[in-house]
């Protein structure tokens, strides 16, 4: 995505704050046919600057007021701030991306992201408050298969996908995990997760 921004910094070292997003949405929402809005598959809608600018909150409020279905995907506990908005709609799914059960592995791939424990507490809190919740285990990182028993009773469903980002190949090589980034490994993990989902009564879907 960086090639579309004009930035020279590395991905993750810059943020463009689209301060006019709520104003644009308030105009466009009246023109468009209602459909599900995914917030967001590219950039986390609850990155730290959202605490200051509240753009995601303003946009979500507009979508809910106009009865649009919304799927939220984030890594941040900041999503709990907007519980009041979520409770106004029966058309909102709120999901946390959790890619491994091991926080040491999380730090290797996601050094600036919230801890695994913070995310688990966040999704559990949302679920306890009656919000439809999911966890996206994507991409599957080592020890992701242990998440199923941990998430049982805390989510409505799981979405699961393998590692598809080739820029991560170097990390796998550095850590000596070459065999954990192969078709054979991901097929084995798929089978393991599928069996565990049945055993723990967790609904899951695979993107591979």
N, C-alpha and C. Protein backbone atom coordinates (compact mmCIF):
# COMPACT_ATOMS: atom_id res chain seq x y z
N UNK A 1 0.81 -1.21 0.00
CA UNK A 1 0.00 0.00 0.00
C UNK A 1 0.85 1.27 0.00
N UNK A 2 2.10 1.17 0.46
CA UNK A 2 2.92 2.37 0.58
C UNK A 2 3.11 3.06 -0.76
N UNK A 3 3.14 2.29 -1.84
CA UNK A 3 3.40 2.89 -3.15
C UNK A 3 2.31 3.87 -3.57
N UNK A 4 1.14 3.79 -2.92
CA UNK A 4 0.06 4.71 -3.27
C UNK A 4 0.10 5.99 -2.43
N UNK A 5 1.01 6.07 -1.47
CA UNK A 5 1.01 7.20 -0.53
C UNK A 5 2.04 8.26 -0.83
N UNK A 6 3.12 7.90 -1.51
CA UNK A 6 4.20 8.85 -1.75
C UNK A 6 5.19 8.92 -0.60
N UNK A 7 4.98 8.14 0.45
CA UNK A 7 5.89 8.16 1.60
C UNK A 7 7.16 7.37 1.29
N UNK A 8 8.27 7.84 1.86
CA UNK A 8 9.55 7.15 1.73
C UNK A 8 9.84 6.29 2.96
N UNK A 9 9.11 6.56 4.05
CA UNK A 9 9.34 5.79 5.27
C UNK A 9 8.90 4.34 5.09
N UNK A 10 9.39 3.50 5.98
CA UNK A 10 8.98 2.10 5.97
C UNK A 10 7.51 1.99 6.36
N UNK A 11 6.86 0.95 5.87
CA UNK A 11 5.47 0.71 6.23
C UNK A 11 5.35 0.56 7.75
N UNK A 12 4.45 1.30 8.34
CA UNK A 12 4.27 1.28 9.78
C UNK A 12 4.92 2.45 10.48
N UNK A 13 5.74 3.23 9.76
CA UNK A 13 6.42 4.37 10.36
C UNK A 13 5.79 5.71 10.00
N UNK A 14 4.63 5.68 9.36
CA UNK A 14 3.94 6.91 9.01
C UNK A 14 2.44 6.71 9.10
N UNK A 15 1.73 7.79 9.32
CA UNK A 15 0.27 7.77 9.37
C UNK A 15 -0.25 9.01 8.67
N UNK A 16 -1.17 8.84 7.75
CA UNK A 16 -1.90 9.95 7.16
C UNK A 16 -3.28 9.98 7.79
N UNK A 17 -3.59 11.05 8.50
CA UNK A 17 -4.87 11.17 9.20
C UNK A 17 -5.89 11.80 8.26
N UNK A 18 -6.88 11.03 7.89
CA UNK A 18 -7.90 11.51 6.95
C UNK A 18 -9.02 12.19 7.75
N UNK A 19 -8.74 13.43 8.14
CA UNK A 19 -9.62 14.13 9.08
C UNK A 19 -10.99 14.45 8.49
N UNK A 20 -11.11 14.41 7.17
CA UNK A 20 -12.40 14.71 6.55
C UNK A 20 -13.23 13.45 6.27
N UNK A 21 -12.77 12.29 6.73
CA UNK A 21 -13.48 11.04 6.44
C UNK A 21 -14.93 11.05 6.90
N UNK A 22 -15.24 11.49 8.14
CA UNK A 22 -16.65 11.50 8.56
C UNK A 22 -17.52 12.43 7.70
N UNK A 23 -16.98 13.58 7.29
CA UNK A 23 -17.75 14.50 6.45
C UNK A 23 -18.05 13.87 5.09
N UNK A 24 -17.05 13.22 4.51
CA UNK A 24 -17.26 12.56 3.22
C UNK A 24 -18.26 11.42 3.35
N UNK A 25 -18.13 10.65 4.42
CA UNK A 25 -19.04 9.52 4.63
C UNK A 25 -20.48 9.99 4.80
N UNK A 26 -20.67 11.09 5.51
CA UNK A 26 -22.04 11.59 5.74
C UNK A 26 -22.73 11.96 4.44
N UNK A 27 -21.94 12.33 3.42
CA UNK A 27 -22.50 12.66 2.11
C UNK A 27 -22.72 11.41 1.26
N UNK A 28 -21.71 10.54 1.27
CA UNK A 28 -21.76 9.35 0.42
C UNK A 28 -22.79 8.34 0.90
N UNK A 29 -23.00 8.27 2.20
CA UNK A 29 -23.89 7.25 2.75
C UNK A 29 -25.33 7.43 2.27
N UNK A 30 -25.65 8.64 1.87
CA UNK A 30 -27.00 8.93 1.38
C UNK A 30 -27.17 8.54 -0.09
N UNK A 31 -26.06 8.31 -0.78
CA UNK A 31 -26.11 8.01 -2.21
C UNK A 31 -25.96 6.52 -2.52
N UNK A 32 -25.32 5.80 -1.62
CA UNK A 32 -24.95 4.42 -1.89
C UNK A 32 -26.02 3.43 -1.47
N UNK A 33 -26.03 2.29 -2.16
CA UNK A 33 -26.88 1.18 -1.77
C UNK A 33 -26.29 0.52 -0.53
N UNK A 34 -27.12 0.20 0.43
CA UNK A 34 -26.63 -0.37 1.68
C UNK A 34 -25.94 -1.72 1.45
N UNK A 35 -24.79 -1.87 2.05
CA UNK A 35 -24.02 -3.11 1.99
C UNK A 35 -23.09 -3.18 3.18
N UNK A 36 -22.53 -4.33 3.44
CA UNK A 36 -21.65 -4.49 4.60
C UNK A 36 -20.34 -3.73 4.42
N UNK A 37 -19.95 -2.98 5.45
CA UNK A 37 -18.70 -2.22 5.43
C UNK A 37 -17.70 -2.91 6.35
N UNK A 38 -16.52 -3.23 5.81
CA UNK A 38 -15.47 -3.85 6.59
C UNK A 38 -14.51 -2.76 7.06
N UNK A 39 -14.35 -2.64 8.37
CA UNK A 39 -13.53 -1.58 8.96
C UNK A 39 -12.46 -2.21 9.84
N UNK A 40 -11.23 -2.45 9.38
CA UNK A 40 -10.73 -2.20 8.05
C UNK A 40 -9.77 -3.31 7.71
N UNK A 41 -9.74 -3.70 6.45
CA UNK A 41 -8.88 -4.79 6.02
C UNK A 41 -7.48 -4.35 5.64
N UNK A 42 -7.21 -3.05 5.63
CA UNK A 42 -5.90 -2.54 5.24
C UNK A 42 -5.15 -1.94 6.42
N UNK A 43 -5.74 -0.95 7.07
CA UNK A 43 -5.13 -0.31 8.24
C UNK A 43 -6.03 -0.50 9.45
N UNK A 44 -5.42 -0.67 10.61
CA UNK A 44 -6.19 -0.88 11.83
C UNK A 44 -7.00 0.38 12.14
N UNK A 45 -8.33 0.26 12.30
CA UNK A 45 -9.15 1.44 12.58
C UNK A 45 -8.98 1.97 14.00
N UNK A 46 -8.27 1.22 14.84
CA UNK A 46 -8.07 1.65 16.22
C UNK A 46 -6.58 1.76 16.56
N UNK A 47 -5.79 2.26 15.61
CA UNK A 47 -4.41 2.54 15.93
C UNK A 47 -4.34 3.70 16.92
N UNK A 48 -3.20 3.93 17.60
CA UNK A 48 -3.15 4.88 18.71
C UNK A 48 -3.70 6.28 18.42
N UNK A 49 -3.51 6.82 17.23
CA UNK A 49 -4.00 8.17 16.94
C UNK A 49 -5.53 8.26 16.94
N UNK A 50 -6.21 7.12 16.86
CA UNK A 50 -7.68 7.16 16.92
C UNK A 50 -8.16 7.68 18.27
N UNK A 51 -7.37 7.48 19.31
CA UNK A 51 -7.75 7.99 20.63
C UNK A 51 -7.88 9.51 20.61
N UNK A 52 -7.08 10.16 19.78
CA UNK A 52 -7.13 11.62 19.67
C UNK A 52 -8.16 12.09 18.65
N UNK A 53 -8.15 11.50 17.45
CA UNK A 53 -8.96 12.02 16.35
C UNK A 53 -10.38 11.46 16.30
N UNK A 54 -10.59 10.25 16.84
CA UNK A 54 -11.93 9.66 16.96
C UNK A 54 -12.65 9.55 15.60
N UNK A 55 -11.89 9.33 14.55
CA UNK A 55 -12.47 9.26 13.21
C UNK A 55 -13.25 7.95 13.01
N UNK A 56 -12.69 6.86 13.49
CA UNK A 56 -13.41 5.58 13.37
C UNK A 56 -14.72 5.65 14.14
N UNK A 57 -14.67 6.21 15.32
CA UNK A 57 -15.90 6.34 16.12
C UNK A 57 -16.96 7.16 15.38
N UNK A 58 -16.57 8.28 14.81
CA UNK A 58 -17.52 9.14 14.11
C UNK A 58 -18.11 8.42 12.89
N UNK A 59 -17.27 7.70 12.16
CA UNK A 59 -17.74 6.99 10.98
C UNK A 59 -18.66 5.83 11.38
N UNK A 60 -18.29 5.10 12.42
CA UNK A 60 -19.13 3.99 12.87
C UNK A 60 -20.49 4.50 13.35
N UNK A 61 -20.49 5.63 14.03
CA UNK A 61 -21.74 6.20 14.50
C UNK A 61 -22.65 6.54 13.33
N UNK A 62 -22.07 7.08 12.27
CA UNK A 62 -22.86 7.40 11.07
C UNK A 62 -23.43 6.13 10.44
N UNK A 63 -22.62 5.10 10.34
CA UNK A 63 -23.08 3.85 9.74
C UNK A 63 -24.21 3.23 10.54
N UNK A 64 -24.09 3.25 11.86
CA UNK A 64 -25.12 2.69 12.72
C UNK A 64 -26.40 3.51 12.63
N UNK A 65 -26.29 4.82 12.63
CA UNK A 65 -27.46 5.69 12.53
C UNK A 65 -28.24 5.43 11.24
N UNK A 66 -27.50 5.03 10.20
CA UNK A 66 -28.14 4.78 8.91
C UNK A 66 -28.40 3.30 8.65
N UNK A 67 -28.23 2.48 9.70
CA UNK A 67 -28.60 1.06 9.66
C UNK A 67 -27.77 0.24 8.68
N UNK A 68 -26.49 0.57 8.54
CA UNK A 68 -25.59 -0.20 7.68
C UNK A 68 -24.95 -1.34 8.48
N UNK A 69 -24.82 -2.52 7.88
CA UNK A 69 -24.08 -3.61 8.52
C UNK A 69 -22.58 -3.29 8.53
N UNK A 70 -21.91 -3.63 9.62
CA UNK A 70 -20.49 -3.33 9.77
C UNK A 70 -19.75 -4.52 10.35
N UNK A 71 -18.56 -4.79 9.80
CA UNK A 71 -17.64 -5.77 10.38
C UNK A 71 -16.36 -5.02 10.73
N UNK A 72 -15.99 -5.07 12.00
CA UNK A 72 -14.80 -4.38 12.48
C UNK A 72 -13.69 -5.39 12.71
N UNK A 73 -12.49 -5.03 12.27
CA UNK A 73 -11.32 -5.88 12.49
C UNK A 73 -10.20 -5.02 13.06
N UNK A 74 -9.69 -5.40 14.23
CA UNK A 74 -8.65 -4.61 14.88
C UNK A 74 -7.76 -5.50 15.73
N UNK A 75 -6.67 -4.94 16.20
CA UNK A 75 -5.81 -5.58 17.19
C UNK A 75 -5.86 -4.84 18.52
N UNK A 76 -6.62 -3.76 18.60
CA UNK A 76 -6.50 -2.84 19.71
C UNK A 76 -7.63 -2.91 20.74
N UNK A 77 -7.28 -2.89 22.02
CA UNK A 77 -8.29 -2.79 23.08
C UNK A 77 -9.07 -1.47 23.04
N UNK A 78 -8.58 -0.48 22.31
CA UNK A 78 -9.29 0.79 22.20
C UNK A 78 -10.69 0.60 21.64
N UNK A 79 -10.92 -0.50 20.95
CA UNK A 79 -12.25 -0.77 20.39
C UNK A 79 -13.32 -0.79 21.48
N UNK A 80 -12.94 -1.12 22.70
CA UNK A 80 -13.91 -1.17 23.81
C UNK A 80 -14.52 0.20 24.10
N UNK A 81 -13.81 1.25 23.74
CA UNK A 81 -14.32 2.61 23.95
C UNK A 81 -15.66 2.82 23.28
N UNK A 82 -15.90 2.13 22.15
CA UNK A 82 -17.09 2.38 21.34
C UNK A 82 -18.19 1.36 21.58
N UNK A 83 -18.14 0.70 22.72
CA UNK A 83 -19.15 -0.29 23.07
C UNK A 83 -20.56 0.31 22.99
N UNK A 84 -20.69 1.58 23.37
CA UNK A 84 -22.02 2.20 23.36
C UNK A 84 -22.61 2.26 21.96
N UNK A 85 -21.76 2.45 20.95
CA UNK A 85 -22.23 2.48 19.56
C UNK A 85 -22.61 1.08 19.11
N UNK A 86 -21.78 0.09 19.44
CA UNK A 86 -22.05 -1.29 19.02
C UNK A 86 -23.39 -1.78 19.55
N UNK A 87 -23.72 -1.38 20.76
CA UNK A 87 -24.95 -1.85 21.38
C UNK A 87 -26.20 -1.26 20.73
N UNK A 88 -26.04 -0.27 19.89
CA UNK A 88 -27.19 0.34 19.22
C UNK A 88 -27.59 -0.42 17.95
N UNK A 89 -26.80 -1.40 17.56
CA UNK A 89 -27.05 -2.08 16.29
C UNK A 89 -27.00 -3.60 16.47
N UNK A 90 -27.83 -4.29 15.70
CA UNK A 90 -27.80 -5.75 15.62
C UNK A 90 -27.04 -6.21 14.38
N UNK A 91 -26.38 -5.25 13.70
CA UNK A 91 -25.71 -5.55 12.44
C UNK A 91 -24.21 -5.28 12.52
N UNK A 92 -23.63 -5.43 13.70
CA UNK A 92 -22.20 -5.20 13.88
C UNK A 92 -21.52 -6.45 14.40
N UNK A 93 -20.46 -6.87 13.72
CA UNK A 93 -19.55 -7.91 14.20
C UNK A 93 -18.24 -7.22 14.55
N UNK A 94 -17.71 -7.51 15.71
CA UNK A 94 -16.44 -6.91 16.12
C UNK A 94 -15.41 -8.03 16.29
N UNK A 95 -14.30 -7.90 15.57
CA UNK A 95 -13.29 -8.96 15.59
C UNK A 95 -11.91 -8.48 15.98
N UNK A 96 -11.18 -9.36 16.65
CA UNK A 96 -9.78 -9.12 17.00
C UNK A 96 -8.91 -10.05 16.16
N UNK A 97 -7.84 -9.51 15.60
CA UNK A 97 -6.84 -10.34 14.93
C UNK A 97 -5.89 -10.90 15.98
N UNK A 98 -5.86 -12.22 16.08
CA UNK A 98 -4.95 -12.90 17.02
C UNK A 98 -4.30 -14.03 16.24
N UNK A 99 -3.01 -13.97 16.05
CA UNK A 99 -2.35 -14.86 15.10
C UNK A 99 -1.53 -15.98 15.75
N UNK A 100 -1.35 -15.92 17.07
CA UNK A 100 -0.61 -16.95 17.79
C UNK A 100 -1.03 -16.89 19.25
N UNK A 101 -0.80 -17.96 19.97
CA UNK A 101 -1.07 -17.98 21.40
C UNK A 101 0.16 -17.58 22.21
N UNK A 102 1.28 -17.42 21.55
CA UNK A 102 2.56 -17.17 22.22
C UNK A 102 2.97 -15.71 22.01
N UNK A 103 3.04 -14.95 23.11
CA UNK A 103 3.35 -13.53 22.97
C UNK A 103 4.79 -13.27 22.53
N UNK A 104 5.69 -14.19 22.80
CA UNK A 104 7.06 -14.04 22.32
C UNK A 104 7.10 -14.10 20.80
N UNK A 105 6.28 -14.97 20.22
CA UNK A 105 6.18 -15.06 18.76
C UNK A 105 5.49 -13.82 18.21
N UNK A 106 4.46 -13.34 18.92
CA UNK A 106 3.79 -12.10 18.51
C UNK A 106 4.78 -10.95 18.39
N UNK A 107 5.71 -10.85 19.34
CA UNK A 107 6.67 -9.75 19.35
C UNK A 107 7.60 -9.79 18.14
N UNK A 108 7.85 -10.97 17.62
CA UNK A 108 8.71 -11.11 16.44
C UNK A 108 8.01 -10.57 15.19
N UNK A 109 6.74 -10.92 15.03
CA UNK A 109 6.01 -10.53 13.83
C UNK A 109 5.26 -9.20 13.99
N UNK A 110 4.81 -8.89 15.22
CA UNK A 110 3.99 -7.71 15.46
C UNK A 110 4.54 -6.95 16.67
N UNK A 111 5.76 -6.43 16.58
CA UNK A 111 6.41 -5.85 17.76
C UNK A 111 5.70 -4.64 18.36
N UNK A 112 4.92 -3.92 17.57
CA UNK A 112 4.27 -2.71 18.06
C UNK A 112 2.79 -2.93 18.38
N UNK A 113 2.31 -4.13 18.22
CA UNK A 113 0.89 -4.41 18.43
C UNK A 113 0.61 -4.77 19.89
N UNK A 114 -0.64 -4.63 20.32
CA UNK A 114 -1.01 -5.03 21.69
C UNK A 114 -0.72 -6.51 21.93
N UNK A 115 -0.52 -6.85 23.18
CA UNK A 115 -0.18 -8.23 23.54
C UNK A 115 -1.36 -9.17 23.25
N UNK A 116 -1.05 -10.44 23.19
CA UNK A 116 -2.08 -11.45 22.99
C UNK A 116 -3.09 -11.42 24.13
N UNK A 117 -2.61 -11.29 25.37
CA UNK A 117 -3.50 -11.29 26.53
C UNK A 117 -4.46 -10.10 26.47
N UNK A 118 -3.96 -8.93 26.07
CA UNK A 118 -4.84 -7.76 25.95
C UNK A 118 -5.95 -8.01 24.94
N UNK A 119 -5.60 -8.65 23.85
CA UNK A 119 -6.60 -8.92 22.80
C UNK A 119 -7.62 -9.95 23.27
N UNK A 120 -7.14 -10.97 23.98
CA UNK A 120 -8.05 -11.99 24.49
C UNK A 120 -9.04 -11.38 25.48
N UNK A 121 -8.54 -10.51 26.35
CA UNK A 121 -9.44 -9.85 27.32
C UNK A 121 -10.44 -8.95 26.60
N UNK A 122 -9.99 -8.33 25.52
CA UNK A 122 -10.88 -7.42 24.78
C UNK A 122 -12.02 -8.17 24.11
N UNK A 123 -11.69 -9.26 23.43
CA UNK A 123 -12.74 -10.00 22.72
C UNK A 123 -13.70 -10.66 23.72
N UNK A 124 -13.18 -11.09 24.86
CA UNK A 124 -14.04 -11.67 25.89
C UNK A 124 -15.00 -10.62 26.45
N UNK A 125 -14.50 -9.42 26.69
CA UNK A 125 -15.35 -8.35 27.21
C UNK A 125 -16.45 -7.99 26.22
N UNK A 126 -16.12 -7.88 24.96
CA UNK A 126 -17.13 -7.60 23.93
C UNK A 126 -18.21 -8.68 23.92
N UNK A 127 -17.76 -9.93 23.96
CA UNK A 127 -18.69 -11.05 23.92
C UNK A 127 -19.61 -11.06 25.14
N UNK A 128 -19.05 -10.76 26.31
CA UNK A 128 -19.84 -10.74 27.54
C UNK A 128 -20.89 -9.63 27.53
N UNK A 129 -20.64 -8.59 26.75
CA UNK A 129 -21.59 -7.47 26.65
C UNK A 129 -22.61 -7.67 25.52
N UNK A 130 -22.63 -8.87 24.95
CA UNK A 130 -23.64 -9.18 23.95
C UNK A 130 -23.32 -8.75 22.54
N UNK A 131 -22.07 -8.34 22.30
CA UNK A 131 -21.65 -7.96 20.95
C UNK A 131 -21.26 -9.22 20.18
N UNK A 132 -21.69 -9.32 18.93
CA UNK A 132 -21.29 -10.47 18.12
C UNK A 132 -19.80 -10.35 17.81
N UNK A 133 -19.03 -11.35 18.22
CA UNK A 133 -17.58 -11.26 18.15
C UNK A 133 -16.99 -12.40 17.33
N UNK A 134 -15.80 -12.12 16.80
CA UNK A 134 -15.05 -13.15 16.10
C UNK A 134 -13.57 -12.89 16.31
N UNK A 135 -12.77 -13.87 16.03
CA UNK A 135 -11.32 -13.72 15.99
C UNK A 135 -10.83 -14.16 14.63
N UNK A 136 -9.95 -13.35 14.05
CA UNK A 136 -9.33 -13.70 12.78
C UNK A 136 -7.93 -14.22 13.06
N UNK A 137 -7.76 -15.50 12.88
CA UNK A 137 -6.44 -16.12 13.01
C UNK A 137 -5.83 -16.11 11.62
N UNK A 138 -5.26 -14.98 11.27
CA UNK A 138 -4.75 -14.79 9.92
C UNK A 138 -3.72 -13.67 9.92
N UNK A 139 -2.50 -13.99 9.52
CA UNK A 139 -2.04 -15.31 9.09
C UNK A 139 -1.76 -16.23 10.29
N UNK A 140 -1.91 -17.52 10.07
CA UNK A 140 -1.56 -18.49 11.10
C UNK A 140 -0.06 -18.41 11.37
N UNK A 141 0.29 -18.12 12.62
CA UNK A 141 1.68 -18.15 13.04
C UNK A 141 1.91 -19.39 13.92
N UNK A 142 3.16 -19.75 14.17
CA UNK A 142 3.42 -20.90 15.03
C UNK A 142 2.67 -20.79 16.36
N UNK A 143 2.11 -21.90 16.82
CA UNK A 143 1.34 -22.04 18.06
C UNK A 143 -0.04 -21.39 17.98
N UNK A 144 -0.50 -21.08 16.78
CA UNK A 144 -1.86 -20.56 16.62
C UNK A 144 -2.91 -21.61 16.95
N UNK A 145 -2.58 -22.88 16.72
CA UNK A 145 -3.56 -23.94 16.92
C UNK A 145 -4.02 -24.03 18.39
N UNK A 146 -3.21 -23.52 19.31
CA UNK A 146 -3.58 -23.58 20.72
C UNK A 146 -4.64 -22.53 21.11
N UNK A 147 -4.96 -21.65 20.18
CA UNK A 147 -5.94 -20.61 20.47
C UNK A 147 -7.36 -21.15 20.58
N UNK A 148 -7.68 -22.26 19.95
CA UNK A 148 -9.06 -22.72 19.87
C UNK A 148 -9.66 -22.96 21.25
N UNK A 149 -8.97 -23.70 22.08
CA UNK A 149 -9.50 -23.98 23.42
C UNK A 149 -9.57 -22.71 24.26
N UNK A 150 -8.64 -21.78 24.01
CA UNK A 150 -8.64 -20.51 24.76
C UNK A 150 -9.83 -19.65 24.38
N UNK A 151 -10.21 -19.69 23.12
CA UNK A 151 -11.27 -18.83 22.60
C UNK A 151 -12.67 -19.42 22.76
N UNK A 152 -12.76 -20.69 23.07
CA UNK A 152 -14.07 -21.32 23.23
C UNK A 152 -14.90 -20.57 24.26
N UNK A 153 -16.11 -20.19 23.87
CA UNK A 153 -17.00 -19.47 24.76
C UNK A 153 -16.78 -17.97 24.77
N UNK A 154 -15.77 -17.49 24.05
CA UNK A 154 -15.46 -16.06 24.03
C UNK A 154 -15.78 -15.41 22.68
N UNK A 155 -16.11 -16.22 21.68
CA UNK A 155 -16.36 -15.70 20.34
C UNK A 155 -17.57 -16.39 19.72
N UNK A 156 -18.13 -15.74 18.71
CA UNK A 156 -19.21 -16.37 17.95
C UNK A 156 -18.68 -17.19 16.79
N UNK A 157 -17.53 -16.79 16.25
CA UNK A 157 -16.95 -17.56 15.15
C UNK A 157 -15.49 -17.16 14.94
N UNK A 158 -14.79 -17.98 14.16
CA UNK A 158 -13.40 -17.74 13.80
C UNK A 158 -13.26 -17.67 12.29
N UNK A 159 -12.32 -16.85 11.83
CA UNK A 159 -11.92 -16.82 10.42
C UNK A 159 -10.43 -17.14 10.40
N UNK A 160 -10.03 -18.09 9.55
CA UNK A 160 -8.66 -18.60 9.60
C UNK A 160 -8.04 -18.61 8.21
N UNK A 161 -6.80 -18.13 8.13
CA UNK A 161 -6.09 -18.13 6.85
C UNK A 161 -4.61 -18.37 7.10
N UNK A 162 -3.95 -18.90 6.12
CA UNK A 162 -2.53 -19.21 6.20
C UNK A 162 -1.68 -17.97 5.95
N UNK A 163 -0.37 -18.09 6.14
CA UNK A 163 0.55 -17.02 5.82
C UNK A 163 0.66 -16.90 4.30
N UNK A 164 0.34 -15.71 3.80
CA UNK A 164 0.41 -15.46 2.36
C UNK A 164 1.33 -14.29 2.02
N UNK A 165 2.07 -13.79 3.03
CA UNK A 165 2.90 -12.60 2.82
C UNK A 165 4.36 -13.03 2.66
N UNK A 166 4.89 -12.88 1.47
CA UNK A 166 6.25 -13.36 1.22
C UNK A 166 7.31 -12.51 1.89
N UNK A 167 6.96 -11.29 2.31
CA UNK A 167 7.96 -10.48 3.03
C UNK A 167 8.29 -11.10 4.39
N UNK A 168 7.45 -12.02 4.85
CA UNK A 168 7.72 -12.68 6.14
C UNK A 168 8.64 -13.89 5.99
N UNK A 169 8.95 -14.28 4.77
CA UNK A 169 9.80 -15.46 4.56
C UNK A 169 11.13 -15.34 5.29
N UNK A 170 11.70 -14.14 5.28
CA UNK A 170 13.00 -13.92 5.93
C UNK A 170 12.92 -14.17 7.42
N UNK A 171 11.81 -13.77 8.04
CA UNK A 171 11.64 -13.99 9.49
C UNK A 171 11.60 -15.48 9.79
N UNK A 172 10.86 -16.24 8.98
CA UNK A 172 10.79 -17.68 9.18
C UNK A 172 12.18 -18.31 9.06
N UNK A 173 12.95 -17.85 8.11
CA UNK A 173 14.30 -18.39 7.93
C UNK A 173 15.20 -18.04 9.11
N UNK A 174 15.12 -16.79 9.57
CA UNK A 174 15.94 -16.35 10.69
C UNK A 174 15.64 -17.13 11.97
N UNK A 175 14.37 -17.48 12.16
CA UNK A 175 13.96 -18.18 13.37
C UNK A 175 14.09 -19.70 13.26
N UNK A 176 14.49 -20.17 12.08
CA UNK A 176 14.60 -21.62 11.88
C UNK A 176 13.26 -22.32 11.79
N UNK A 177 12.26 -21.59 11.26
CA UNK A 177 10.90 -22.11 11.17
C UNK A 177 10.50 -22.40 9.72
N UNK A 178 11.45 -22.71 8.89
CA UNK A 178 11.15 -22.90 7.48
C UNK A 178 10.02 -23.88 7.22
N UNK A 179 9.97 -24.95 8.03
CA UNK A 179 8.94 -25.99 7.83
C UNK A 179 7.56 -25.50 8.25
N UNK A 180 7.50 -24.39 8.99
CA UNK A 180 6.21 -23.85 9.45
C UNK A 180 5.63 -22.84 8.47
N UNK A 181 6.22 -22.75 7.30
CA UNK A 181 5.73 -21.85 6.26
C UNK A 181 5.60 -22.60 4.94
N UNK A 182 5.05 -23.80 5.04
CA UNK A 182 4.90 -24.67 3.87
C UNK A 182 3.44 -25.11 3.73
N UNK A 183 3.09 -25.57 2.54
CA UNK A 183 1.74 -26.08 2.31
C UNK A 183 1.43 -27.24 3.25
N UNK A 184 2.41 -28.10 3.45
CA UNK A 184 2.20 -29.27 4.31
C UNK A 184 1.86 -28.84 5.73
N UNK A 185 2.59 -27.86 6.23
CA UNK A 185 2.36 -27.39 7.60
C UNK A 185 0.97 -26.77 7.73
N UNK A 186 0.61 -25.89 6.80
CA UNK A 186 -0.68 -25.21 6.91
C UNK A 186 -1.85 -26.18 6.72
N UNK A 187 -1.67 -27.19 5.89
CA UNK A 187 -2.72 -28.20 5.75
C UNK A 187 -2.89 -29.01 7.03
N UNK A 188 -1.76 -29.32 7.69
CA UNK A 188 -1.82 -30.04 8.96
C UNK A 188 -2.50 -29.19 10.03
N UNK A 189 -2.14 -27.92 10.10
CA UNK A 189 -2.74 -27.02 11.09
C UNK A 189 -4.22 -26.83 10.81
N UNK A 190 -4.58 -26.76 9.54
CA UNK A 190 -6.00 -26.64 9.19
C UNK A 190 -6.78 -27.82 9.75
N UNK A 191 -6.25 -29.02 9.56
CA UNK A 191 -6.92 -30.23 10.05
C UNK A 191 -7.01 -30.22 11.57
N UNK A 192 -5.93 -29.82 12.23
CA UNK A 192 -5.90 -29.77 13.70
C UNK A 192 -6.92 -28.78 14.22
N UNK A 193 -6.94 -27.58 13.63
CA UNK A 193 -7.86 -26.54 14.07
C UNK A 193 -9.31 -26.96 13.82
N UNK A 194 -9.56 -27.55 12.66
CA UNK A 194 -10.91 -27.98 12.33
C UNK A 194 -11.42 -29.00 13.36
N UNK A 195 -10.57 -29.95 13.72
CA UNK A 195 -10.96 -30.96 14.72
C UNK A 195 -11.21 -30.31 16.07
N UNK A 196 -10.34 -29.38 16.46
CA UNK A 196 -10.50 -28.72 17.76
C UNK A 196 -11.75 -27.84 17.79
N UNK A 197 -12.08 -27.21 16.68
CA UNK A 197 -13.29 -26.39 16.62
C UNK A 197 -14.52 -27.24 16.85
N UNK A 198 -14.54 -28.43 16.27
CA UNK A 198 -15.66 -29.35 16.48
C UNK A 198 -15.70 -29.77 17.95
N UNK A 199 -14.53 -30.11 18.49
CA UNK A 199 -14.47 -30.59 19.88
C UNK A 199 -14.89 -29.53 20.89
N UNK A 200 -14.55 -28.26 20.61
CA UNK A 200 -14.85 -27.18 21.54
C UNK A 200 -16.12 -26.41 21.16
N UNK A 201 -16.78 -26.83 20.10
CA UNK A 201 -18.03 -26.19 19.71
C UNK A 201 -17.86 -24.77 19.19
N UNK A 202 -16.78 -24.53 18.44
CA UNK A 202 -16.49 -23.20 17.90
C UNK A 202 -16.73 -23.20 16.40
N UNK A 203 -17.53 -22.26 15.92
CA UNK A 203 -17.77 -22.14 14.48
C UNK A 203 -16.54 -21.53 13.82
N UNK A 204 -16.09 -22.13 12.73
CA UNK A 204 -14.91 -21.58 12.05
C UNK A 204 -15.03 -21.74 10.55
N UNK A 205 -14.38 -20.82 9.84
CA UNK A 205 -14.32 -20.90 8.38
C UNK A 205 -12.88 -20.66 7.95
N UNK A 206 -12.48 -21.35 6.88
CA UNK A 206 -11.11 -21.27 6.39
C UNK A 206 -11.08 -20.55 5.06
N UNK A 207 -10.07 -19.69 4.90
CA UNK A 207 -9.90 -18.96 3.64
C UNK A 207 -8.91 -19.67 2.73
N UNK A 208 -8.50 -20.88 3.09
CA UNK A 208 -7.56 -21.63 2.24
C UNK A 208 -7.90 -23.11 2.30
